[in-house]
N, C-alpha and C. Protein backbone atom coordinates (compact mmCIF):
# COMPACT_ATOMS: atom_id res chain seq x y z
N UNK A 1 38.33 168.37 171.07
CA UNK A 1 38.38 168.05 172.48
C UNK A 1 38.78 169.31 173.26
N UNK A 2 38.05 169.66 174.25
CA UNK A 2 38.36 170.85 175.06
C UNK A 2 39.37 170.49 176.15
N UNK A 3 39.93 171.53 176.76
CA UNK A 3 40.87 171.32 177.87
C UNK A 3 40.25 170.52 179.00
N UNK A 4 38.94 170.68 179.19
CA UNK A 4 38.28 169.97 180.28
C UNK A 4 38.21 168.47 180.02
N UNK A 5 38.32 168.05 178.76
CA UNK A 5 38.24 166.63 178.42
C UNK A 5 39.61 165.96 178.39
N UNK A 6 40.67 166.72 178.37
CA UNK A 6 42.01 166.14 178.31
C UNK A 6 42.37 165.62 179.70
N UNK A 7 42.67 164.31 179.82
CA UNK A 7 42.92 163.74 181.15
C UNK A 7 44.30 164.05 181.71
N UNK A 8 45.26 164.39 180.84
CA UNK A 8 46.59 164.73 181.34
C UNK A 8 47.26 165.69 180.37
N UNK A 9 48.27 166.38 180.87
CA UNK A 9 49.06 167.31 180.06
C UNK A 9 50.51 167.23 180.50
N UNK A 10 51.40 167.58 179.59
CA UNK A 10 52.83 167.59 179.86
C UNK A 10 53.35 169.00 179.63
N UNK A 11 54.23 169.45 180.50
CA UNK A 11 54.89 170.74 180.31
C UNK A 11 56.39 170.55 180.40
N UNK A 12 57.10 171.37 179.65
CA UNK A 12 58.56 171.31 179.73
C UNK A 12 59.09 172.70 179.98
N UNK A 13 60.31 172.78 180.50
CA UNK A 13 60.89 174.07 180.83
C UNK A 13 62.40 174.01 180.79
N UNK A 14 62.99 175.18 180.61
CA UNK A 14 64.44 175.37 180.63
C UNK A 14 64.73 176.62 181.42
N UNK A 15 65.81 176.62 182.17
CA UNK A 15 66.26 177.83 182.87
C UNK A 15 67.77 177.79 182.97
N UNK A 16 68.36 178.95 183.03
CA UNK A 16 69.81 179.08 183.21
C UNK A 16 70.07 180.31 184.06
N UNK A 17 71.03 180.20 184.96
CA UNK A 17 71.45 181.33 185.79
C UNK A 17 72.96 181.43 185.74
N UNK A 18 73.47 182.64 185.64
CA UNK A 18 74.91 182.87 185.72
C UNK A 18 75.31 182.94 187.19
N UNK A 19 76.59 182.70 187.42
CA UNK A 19 77.09 182.82 188.79
C UNK A 19 77.17 184.29 189.17
N UNK A 20 76.93 184.57 190.42
CA UNK A 20 76.95 185.92 190.95
C UNK A 20 78.39 186.32 191.31
N UNK A 21 78.66 187.61 191.20
CA UNK A 21 79.96 188.14 191.63
C UNK A 21 79.96 188.43 193.13
N UNK A 22 78.80 188.34 193.78
CA UNK A 22 78.67 188.63 195.21
C UNK A 22 79.27 187.47 196.02
N UNK A 23 80.35 187.69 196.74
CA UNK A 23 80.99 186.60 197.49
C UNK A 23 80.13 186.08 198.65
N UNK A 24 79.12 186.85 199.05
CA UNK A 24 78.25 186.42 200.15
C UNK A 24 77.03 185.63 199.67
N UNK A 25 76.84 185.55 198.36
CA UNK A 25 75.69 184.85 197.78
C UNK A 25 75.93 183.34 197.91
N UNK A 26 74.99 182.63 198.51
CA UNK A 26 75.11 181.19 198.73
C UNK A 26 74.45 180.45 197.56
N UNK A 27 75.11 179.40 197.10
CA UNK A 27 74.54 178.56 196.05
C UNK A 27 73.44 177.70 196.65
N UNK A 28 72.25 177.75 196.04
CA UNK A 28 71.12 176.92 196.45
C UNK A 28 70.64 176.16 195.22
N UNK A 29 70.59 174.84 195.33
CA UNK A 29 70.12 173.98 194.25
C UNK A 29 69.17 172.94 194.83
N UNK A 30 67.97 172.88 194.30
CA UNK A 30 67.01 171.90 194.80
C UNK A 30 66.69 172.07 196.27
N UNK A 31 66.77 173.31 196.75
CA UNK A 31 66.47 173.59 198.15
C UNK A 31 67.62 173.31 199.10
N UNK A 32 68.76 172.90 198.57
CA UNK A 32 69.93 172.58 199.40
C UNK A 32 70.98 173.67 199.22
N UNK A 33 71.48 174.20 200.33
CA UNK A 33 72.54 175.21 200.29
C UNK A 33 73.90 174.53 200.19
N UNK A 34 74.77 175.16 199.41
CA UNK A 34 76.13 174.67 199.22
C UNK A 34 77.10 175.76 199.70
N UNK A 35 77.32 175.84 201.00
CA UNK A 35 78.24 176.86 201.52
C UNK A 35 79.63 176.70 200.89
N UNK A 36 80.25 177.84 200.60
CA UNK A 36 81.58 177.82 200.02
C UNK A 36 81.60 177.76 198.51
N UNK A 37 80.45 177.53 197.88
CA UNK A 37 80.35 177.53 196.42
C UNK A 37 79.79 178.88 195.98
N UNK A 38 80.15 179.32 194.79
CA UNK A 38 79.62 180.57 194.25
C UNK A 38 78.11 180.45 194.06
N UNK A 39 77.40 181.47 194.50
CA UNK A 39 75.95 181.49 194.34
C UNK A 39 75.56 181.94 192.94
N UNK A 40 74.31 181.73 192.61
CA UNK A 40 73.78 182.13 191.32
C UNK A 40 73.11 183.49 191.41
N UNK A 41 73.15 184.23 190.33
CA UNK A 41 72.54 185.55 190.26
C UNK A 41 71.04 185.39 190.01
N UNK A 42 70.24 186.13 190.76
CA UNK A 42 68.80 186.10 190.57
C UNK A 42 68.10 186.95 191.61
N UNK A 43 66.83 187.22 191.37
CA UNK A 43 66.03 188.04 192.29
C UNK A 43 65.69 187.27 193.55
N UNK A 44 65.32 186.01 193.38
CA UNK A 44 65.03 185.15 194.53
C UNK A 44 66.35 184.53 194.98
N UNK A 45 66.30 183.34 195.57
CA UNK A 45 67.55 182.65 195.93
C UNK A 45 68.23 182.04 194.70
N UNK A 46 67.62 182.19 193.52
CA UNK A 46 68.18 181.76 192.22
C UNK A 46 68.37 180.25 192.13
N UNK A 47 67.51 179.50 192.79
CA UNK A 47 67.57 178.04 192.74
C UNK A 47 67.05 177.58 191.38
N UNK A 48 67.97 177.37 190.44
CA UNK A 48 67.61 177.04 189.06
C UNK A 48 66.81 175.75 188.96
N UNK A 49 67.06 174.80 189.86
CA UNK A 49 66.33 173.53 189.84
C UNK A 49 64.87 173.75 190.25
N UNK A 50 64.64 174.46 191.34
CA UNK A 50 63.27 174.75 191.76
C UNK A 50 62.55 175.59 190.71
N UNK A 51 63.27 176.53 190.10
CA UNK A 51 62.65 177.39 189.08
C UNK A 51 62.17 176.58 187.89
N UNK A 52 63.00 175.68 187.39
CA UNK A 52 62.61 174.93 186.20
C UNK A 52 61.49 173.94 186.52
N UNK A 53 61.47 173.40 187.72
CA UNK A 53 60.36 172.52 188.12
C UNK A 53 59.06 173.31 188.19
N UNK A 54 59.13 174.53 188.71
CA UNK A 54 57.96 175.41 188.78
C UNK A 54 57.44 175.71 187.37
N UNK A 55 58.35 176.10 186.49
CA UNK A 55 57.94 176.43 185.12
C UNK A 55 57.31 175.24 184.40
N UNK A 56 57.86 174.04 184.58
CA UNK A 56 57.30 172.86 183.92
C UNK A 56 55.89 172.58 184.42
N UNK A 57 55.66 172.69 185.74
CA UNK A 57 54.31 172.47 186.28
C UNK A 57 53.33 173.52 185.77
N UNK A 58 53.75 174.78 185.78
CA UNK A 58 52.86 175.84 185.31
C UNK A 58 52.55 175.68 183.83
N UNK A 59 53.55 175.31 183.05
CA UNK A 59 53.34 175.07 181.62
C UNK A 59 52.35 173.94 181.39
N UNK A 60 52.52 172.86 182.11
CA UNK A 60 51.64 171.70 181.93
C UNK A 60 50.19 172.04 182.23
N UNK A 61 49.97 172.89 183.20
CA UNK A 61 48.60 173.20 183.61
C UNK A 61 48.05 174.46 182.94
N UNK A 62 48.82 175.06 182.03
CA UNK A 62 48.34 176.24 181.31
C UNK A 62 48.29 177.49 182.15
N UNK A 63 49.14 177.58 183.15
CA UNK A 63 49.12 178.72 184.07
C UNK A 63 50.24 179.73 183.83
N UNK A 64 50.78 179.74 182.63
CA UNK A 64 51.84 180.71 182.33
C UNK A 64 53.19 180.21 182.76
N UNK A 65 53.98 181.13 183.33
CA UNK A 65 55.32 180.76 183.74
C UNK A 65 55.68 181.42 185.07
N UNK A 66 56.85 181.09 185.56
CA UNK A 66 57.29 181.57 186.87
C UNK A 66 57.37 183.10 186.91
N UNK A 67 57.78 183.72 185.80
CA UNK A 67 57.87 185.17 185.76
C UNK A 67 56.53 185.87 185.85
N UNK A 68 55.49 185.21 185.34
CA UNK A 68 54.14 185.77 185.44
C UNK A 68 53.59 185.61 186.86
N UNK A 69 53.81 184.43 187.44
CA UNK A 69 53.27 184.17 188.77
C UNK A 69 54.07 184.86 189.88
N UNK A 70 55.40 184.91 189.69
CA UNK A 70 56.30 185.49 190.69
C UNK A 70 57.25 186.46 190.00
N UNK A 71 56.79 187.66 189.66
CA UNK A 71 57.61 188.59 188.88
C UNK A 71 58.88 189.03 189.62
N UNK A 72 59.97 189.12 188.87
CA UNK A 72 61.23 189.53 189.49
C UNK A 72 61.28 191.02 189.79
N UNK A 73 60.25 191.74 189.39
CA UNK A 73 60.15 193.16 189.74
C UNK A 73 59.46 193.37 191.09
N UNK A 74 58.96 192.28 191.68
CA UNK A 74 58.26 192.37 192.97
C UNK A 74 59.27 192.36 194.11
N UNK A 75 59.42 193.49 194.82
CA UNK A 75 60.41 193.55 195.90
C UNK A 75 60.12 192.55 197.03
N UNK A 76 58.88 192.13 197.17
CA UNK A 76 58.54 191.16 198.21
C UNK A 76 59.16 189.79 197.93
N UNK A 77 59.57 189.56 196.68
CA UNK A 77 60.14 188.26 196.31
C UNK A 77 61.67 188.27 196.31
N UNK A 78 62.28 189.39 196.71
CA UNK A 78 63.74 189.46 196.77
C UNK A 78 64.26 188.40 197.73
N UNK A 79 65.18 187.58 197.27
CA UNK A 79 65.80 186.49 198.04
C UNK A 79 64.79 185.45 198.50
N UNK A 80 63.64 185.35 197.82
CA UNK A 80 62.60 184.38 198.19
C UNK A 80 63.13 182.95 198.09
N UNK A 81 62.60 182.09 198.94
CA UNK A 81 62.89 180.66 198.92
C UNK A 81 62.17 180.05 197.72
N UNK A 82 62.93 179.61 196.73
CA UNK A 82 62.33 179.10 195.50
C UNK A 82 61.56 177.80 195.69
N UNK A 83 61.92 177.00 196.68
CA UNK A 83 61.13 175.79 196.96
C UNK A 83 59.77 176.20 197.51
N UNK A 84 59.71 177.28 198.28
CA UNK A 84 58.43 177.81 198.75
C UNK A 84 57.59 178.31 197.58
N UNK A 85 58.23 178.93 196.58
CA UNK A 85 57.51 179.37 195.39
C UNK A 85 57.00 178.16 194.60
N UNK A 86 57.79 177.10 194.54
CA UNK A 86 57.37 175.86 193.89
C UNK A 86 56.13 175.30 194.58
N UNK A 87 56.11 175.35 195.90
CA UNK A 87 54.95 174.87 196.67
C UNK A 87 53.70 175.70 196.31
N UNK A 88 53.85 177.02 196.24
CA UNK A 88 52.72 177.88 195.87
C UNK A 88 52.24 177.60 194.46
N UNK A 89 53.17 177.35 193.54
CA UNK A 89 52.80 177.03 192.16
C UNK A 89 52.04 175.71 192.11
N UNK A 90 52.48 174.70 192.88
CA UNK A 90 51.78 173.41 192.92
C UNK A 90 50.37 173.58 193.47
N UNK A 91 50.21 174.47 194.45
CA UNK A 91 48.87 174.75 194.98
C UNK A 91 48.00 175.39 193.89
N UNK A 92 48.57 176.28 193.09
CA UNK A 92 47.82 176.92 192.00
C UNK A 92 47.44 175.90 190.93
N UNK A 93 48.33 174.94 190.66
CA UNK A 93 48.03 173.86 189.72
C UNK A 93 46.81 173.08 190.20
N UNK A 94 46.79 172.75 191.48
CA UNK A 94 45.65 172.01 192.04
C UNK A 94 44.37 172.85 192.00
N UNK A 95 44.50 174.13 192.30
CA UNK A 95 43.33 175.02 192.27
C UNK A 95 42.76 175.13 190.85
N UNK A 96 43.61 174.93 189.84
CA UNK A 96 43.15 174.98 188.45
C UNK A 96 42.58 173.64 187.98
N UNK A 97 42.50 172.67 188.90
CA UNK A 97 41.87 171.39 188.57
C UNK A 97 42.82 170.31 188.10
N UNK A 98 44.12 170.53 188.25
CA UNK A 98 45.11 169.53 187.86
C UNK A 98 45.82 168.97 189.08
N UNK A 99 46.29 167.74 188.97
CA UNK A 99 47.10 167.13 190.03
C UNK A 99 48.47 166.81 189.46
N UNK A 100 49.53 167.29 190.10
CA UNK A 100 50.87 166.94 189.61
C UNK A 100 51.07 165.42 189.67
N UNK A 101 51.58 164.86 188.58
CA UNK A 101 51.89 163.43 188.55
C UNK A 101 53.34 163.19 188.92
N UNK A 102 54.24 163.89 188.24
CA UNK A 102 55.66 163.85 188.56
C UNK A 102 56.37 164.97 187.82
N UNK A 103 57.60 165.23 188.27
CA UNK A 103 58.48 166.19 187.60
C UNK A 103 59.84 165.52 187.50
N UNK A 104 60.45 165.60 186.33
CA UNK A 104 61.81 165.09 186.13
C UNK A 104 62.68 166.25 185.70
N UNK A 105 63.79 166.43 186.40
CA UNK A 105 64.68 167.56 186.14
C UNK A 105 66.09 167.06 185.86
N UNK A 106 66.73 167.68 184.89
CA UNK A 106 68.13 167.42 184.59
C UNK A 106 68.88 168.73 184.72
N UNK A 107 69.96 168.74 185.49
CA UNK A 107 70.73 169.95 185.74
C UNK A 107 72.15 169.74 185.23
N UNK A 108 72.70 170.79 184.60
CA UNK A 108 74.03 170.69 184.00
C UNK A 108 74.98 171.66 184.71
N UNK A 109 76.02 171.08 185.32
CA UNK A 109 77.05 171.85 186.01
C UNK A 109 78.22 170.91 186.30
N UNK A 110 79.40 171.47 186.47
CA UNK A 110 80.56 170.64 186.77
C UNK A 110 80.81 170.53 188.27
N UNK A 111 80.41 171.55 189.01
CA UNK A 111 80.53 171.48 190.46
C UNK A 111 79.48 172.37 191.08
N UNK A 112 79.01 172.04 192.24
CA UNK A 112 79.42 170.93 193.10
C UNK A 112 78.80 169.61 192.64
N UNK A 113 79.30 168.54 193.18
CA UNK A 113 78.72 167.23 192.92
C UNK A 113 77.35 167.17 193.60
N UNK A 114 76.36 166.69 192.87
CA UNK A 114 75.00 166.61 193.41
C UNK A 114 74.70 165.25 194.05
N UNK A 115 75.43 164.22 193.66
CA UNK A 115 75.14 162.86 194.14
C UNK A 115 75.01 162.77 195.66
N UNK A 116 75.88 163.41 196.44
CA UNK A 116 75.76 163.27 197.90
C UNK A 116 74.48 163.85 198.49
N UNK A 117 73.82 164.78 197.78
CA UNK A 117 72.62 165.42 198.32
C UNK A 117 71.38 165.19 197.45
N UNK A 118 71.53 164.33 196.45
CA UNK A 118 70.42 164.09 195.50
C UNK A 118 69.14 163.65 196.21
N UNK A 119 69.24 162.71 197.13
CA UNK A 119 68.04 162.24 197.85
C UNK A 119 67.39 163.35 198.65
N UNK A 120 68.20 164.18 199.30
CA UNK A 120 67.66 165.31 200.08
C UNK A 120 66.96 166.31 199.17
N UNK A 121 67.57 166.59 198.00
CA UNK A 121 66.95 167.49 197.03
C UNK A 121 65.59 166.94 196.59
N UNK A 122 65.59 165.69 196.19
CA UNK A 122 64.36 165.08 195.69
C UNK A 122 63.28 165.06 196.77
N UNK A 123 63.65 164.84 198.02
CA UNK A 123 62.67 164.85 199.12
C UNK A 123 62.07 166.24 199.30
N UNK A 124 62.93 167.27 199.31
CA UNK A 124 62.42 168.65 199.47
C UNK A 124 61.51 169.05 198.33
N UNK A 125 61.95 168.77 197.11
CA UNK A 125 61.16 169.15 195.94
C UNK A 125 59.86 168.37 195.86
N UNK A 126 59.92 167.07 196.15
CA UNK A 126 58.71 166.23 196.13
C UNK A 126 57.70 166.68 197.17
N UNK A 127 58.18 167.06 198.34
CA UNK A 127 57.28 167.56 199.38
C UNK A 127 56.60 168.85 198.93
N UNK A 128 57.34 169.71 198.26
CA UNK A 128 56.76 170.98 197.78
C UNK A 128 55.71 170.74 196.70
N UNK A 129 55.98 169.80 195.80
CA UNK A 129 55.07 169.53 194.68
C UNK A 129 53.90 168.65 195.12
N UNK A 130 54.14 167.77 196.08
CA UNK A 130 53.12 166.80 196.46
C UNK A 130 53.07 165.63 195.50
N UNK A 131 54.18 165.39 194.81
CA UNK A 131 54.32 164.30 193.84
C UNK A 131 55.81 164.06 193.65
N UNK A 132 56.18 162.92 193.08
CA UNK A 132 57.60 162.62 192.92
C UNK A 132 58.33 163.62 192.01
N UNK A 133 59.50 164.03 192.46
CA UNK A 133 60.40 164.86 191.66
C UNK A 133 61.75 164.15 191.63
N UNK A 134 62.27 163.93 190.42
CA UNK A 134 63.58 163.32 190.28
C UNK A 134 64.56 164.36 189.74
N UNK A 135 65.80 164.26 190.18
CA UNK A 135 66.85 165.17 189.75
C UNK A 135 68.02 164.34 189.24
N UNK A 136 68.49 164.66 188.05
CA UNK A 136 69.69 164.02 187.53
C UNK A 136 70.70 165.12 187.22
N UNK A 137 71.94 164.85 187.53
CA UNK A 137 73.02 165.80 187.27
C UNK A 137 73.83 165.36 186.07
N UNK A 138 74.26 166.31 185.30
CA UNK A 138 75.10 166.06 184.14
C UNK A 138 76.30 166.99 184.19
N UNK A 139 77.46 166.49 183.85
CA UNK A 139 78.68 167.29 183.79
C UNK A 139 78.92 167.74 182.35
N UNK A 140 79.60 168.86 182.19
CA UNK A 140 79.85 169.41 180.86
C UNK A 140 81.14 168.89 180.24
N UNK A 141 82.00 168.30 181.05
CA UNK A 141 83.34 167.88 180.59
C UNK A 141 84.10 169.09 180.05
N UNK A 142 83.81 170.27 180.62
CA UNK A 142 84.54 171.48 180.27
C UNK A 142 84.11 172.16 178.98
N UNK A 143 83.00 171.73 178.39
CA UNK A 143 82.56 172.26 177.10
C UNK A 143 81.64 173.48 177.29
N UNK A 144 81.90 174.52 176.52
CA UNK A 144 81.01 175.68 176.45
C UNK A 144 81.02 176.56 177.68
N UNK A 145 80.05 177.48 177.71
CA UNK A 145 79.95 178.45 178.80
C UNK A 145 79.75 177.77 180.15
N UNK A 146 78.94 176.72 180.17
CA UNK A 146 78.73 176.01 181.44
C UNK A 146 80.01 175.31 181.87
N UNK A 147 80.74 174.76 180.92
CA UNK A 147 82.01 174.10 181.22
C UNK A 147 83.07 175.08 181.71
N UNK A 148 82.96 176.34 181.29
CA UNK A 148 83.89 177.36 181.78
C UNK A 148 83.46 177.89 183.14
N UNK A 149 82.39 177.34 183.70
CA UNK A 149 81.95 177.76 185.02
C UNK A 149 81.22 179.08 185.04
N UNK A 150 80.53 179.41 183.95
CA UNK A 150 79.82 180.68 183.88
C UNK A 150 78.42 180.61 184.49
N UNK A 151 77.88 179.41 184.66
CA UNK A 151 76.54 179.30 185.22
C UNK A 151 76.08 177.87 185.31
N UNK A 152 74.78 177.72 185.56
CA UNK A 152 74.13 176.41 185.70
C UNK A 152 72.85 176.44 184.87
N UNK A 153 72.60 175.36 184.14
CA UNK A 153 71.38 175.22 183.34
C UNK A 153 70.59 174.01 183.81
N UNK A 154 69.28 174.07 183.62
CA UNK A 154 68.43 172.94 184.01
C UNK A 154 67.23 172.85 183.07
N UNK A 155 66.79 171.63 182.86
CA UNK A 155 65.60 171.32 182.06
C UNK A 155 64.68 170.49 182.94
N UNK A 156 63.37 170.61 182.71
CA UNK A 156 62.43 169.77 183.44
C UNK A 156 61.21 169.48 182.58
N UNK A 157 60.58 168.37 182.88
CA UNK A 157 59.32 168.01 182.28
C UNK A 157 58.39 167.60 183.42
N UNK A 158 57.12 167.99 183.30
CA UNK A 158 56.14 167.69 184.35
C UNK A 158 54.89 167.09 183.72
N UNK A 159 54.29 166.18 184.43
CA UNK A 159 53.02 165.58 184.04
C UNK A 159 51.98 166.00 185.06
N UNK A 160 50.83 166.47 184.56
CA UNK A 160 49.69 166.77 185.43
C UNK A 160 48.48 166.01 184.89
N UNK A 161 47.57 165.69 185.78
CA UNK A 161 46.37 164.94 185.39
C UNK A 161 45.15 165.57 186.02
N UNK A 162 43.99 165.35 185.39
CA UNK A 162 42.71 165.82 185.94
C UNK A 162 42.29 164.94 187.06
């Protein structure tokens, strides 16, 4: 069976970002800014949730990964809005003949609490993808590097269909 005959595909992704030492760096997760929280280190706005959703969609559609589509060596992408990059990736998925079905993301961090902004995150991400995006938060209970507050990790799975 060729790729053209496969009616749907699934992609999965993982990403992790360490916290930045820059006190002016704002934490952005799922397109939502968290003023007063330590920001994540990265070339763009370091939105680990948007990044992992992008990677899962690109993986599902056979379009490589976020680093290939949006290289961190590109100065034009410095401090880029990662939800905007997610939107561009979703457009590329459609141009390749696939339609995003949904994306499910799980993010691991102890703070900040995501529950108060979960709906806003899902709305922003879903609008960028053009399909439902769900976000679930998990706490580390103080275990490991993430529990010590060294960074944030996220996993995502995406479904695309012809």
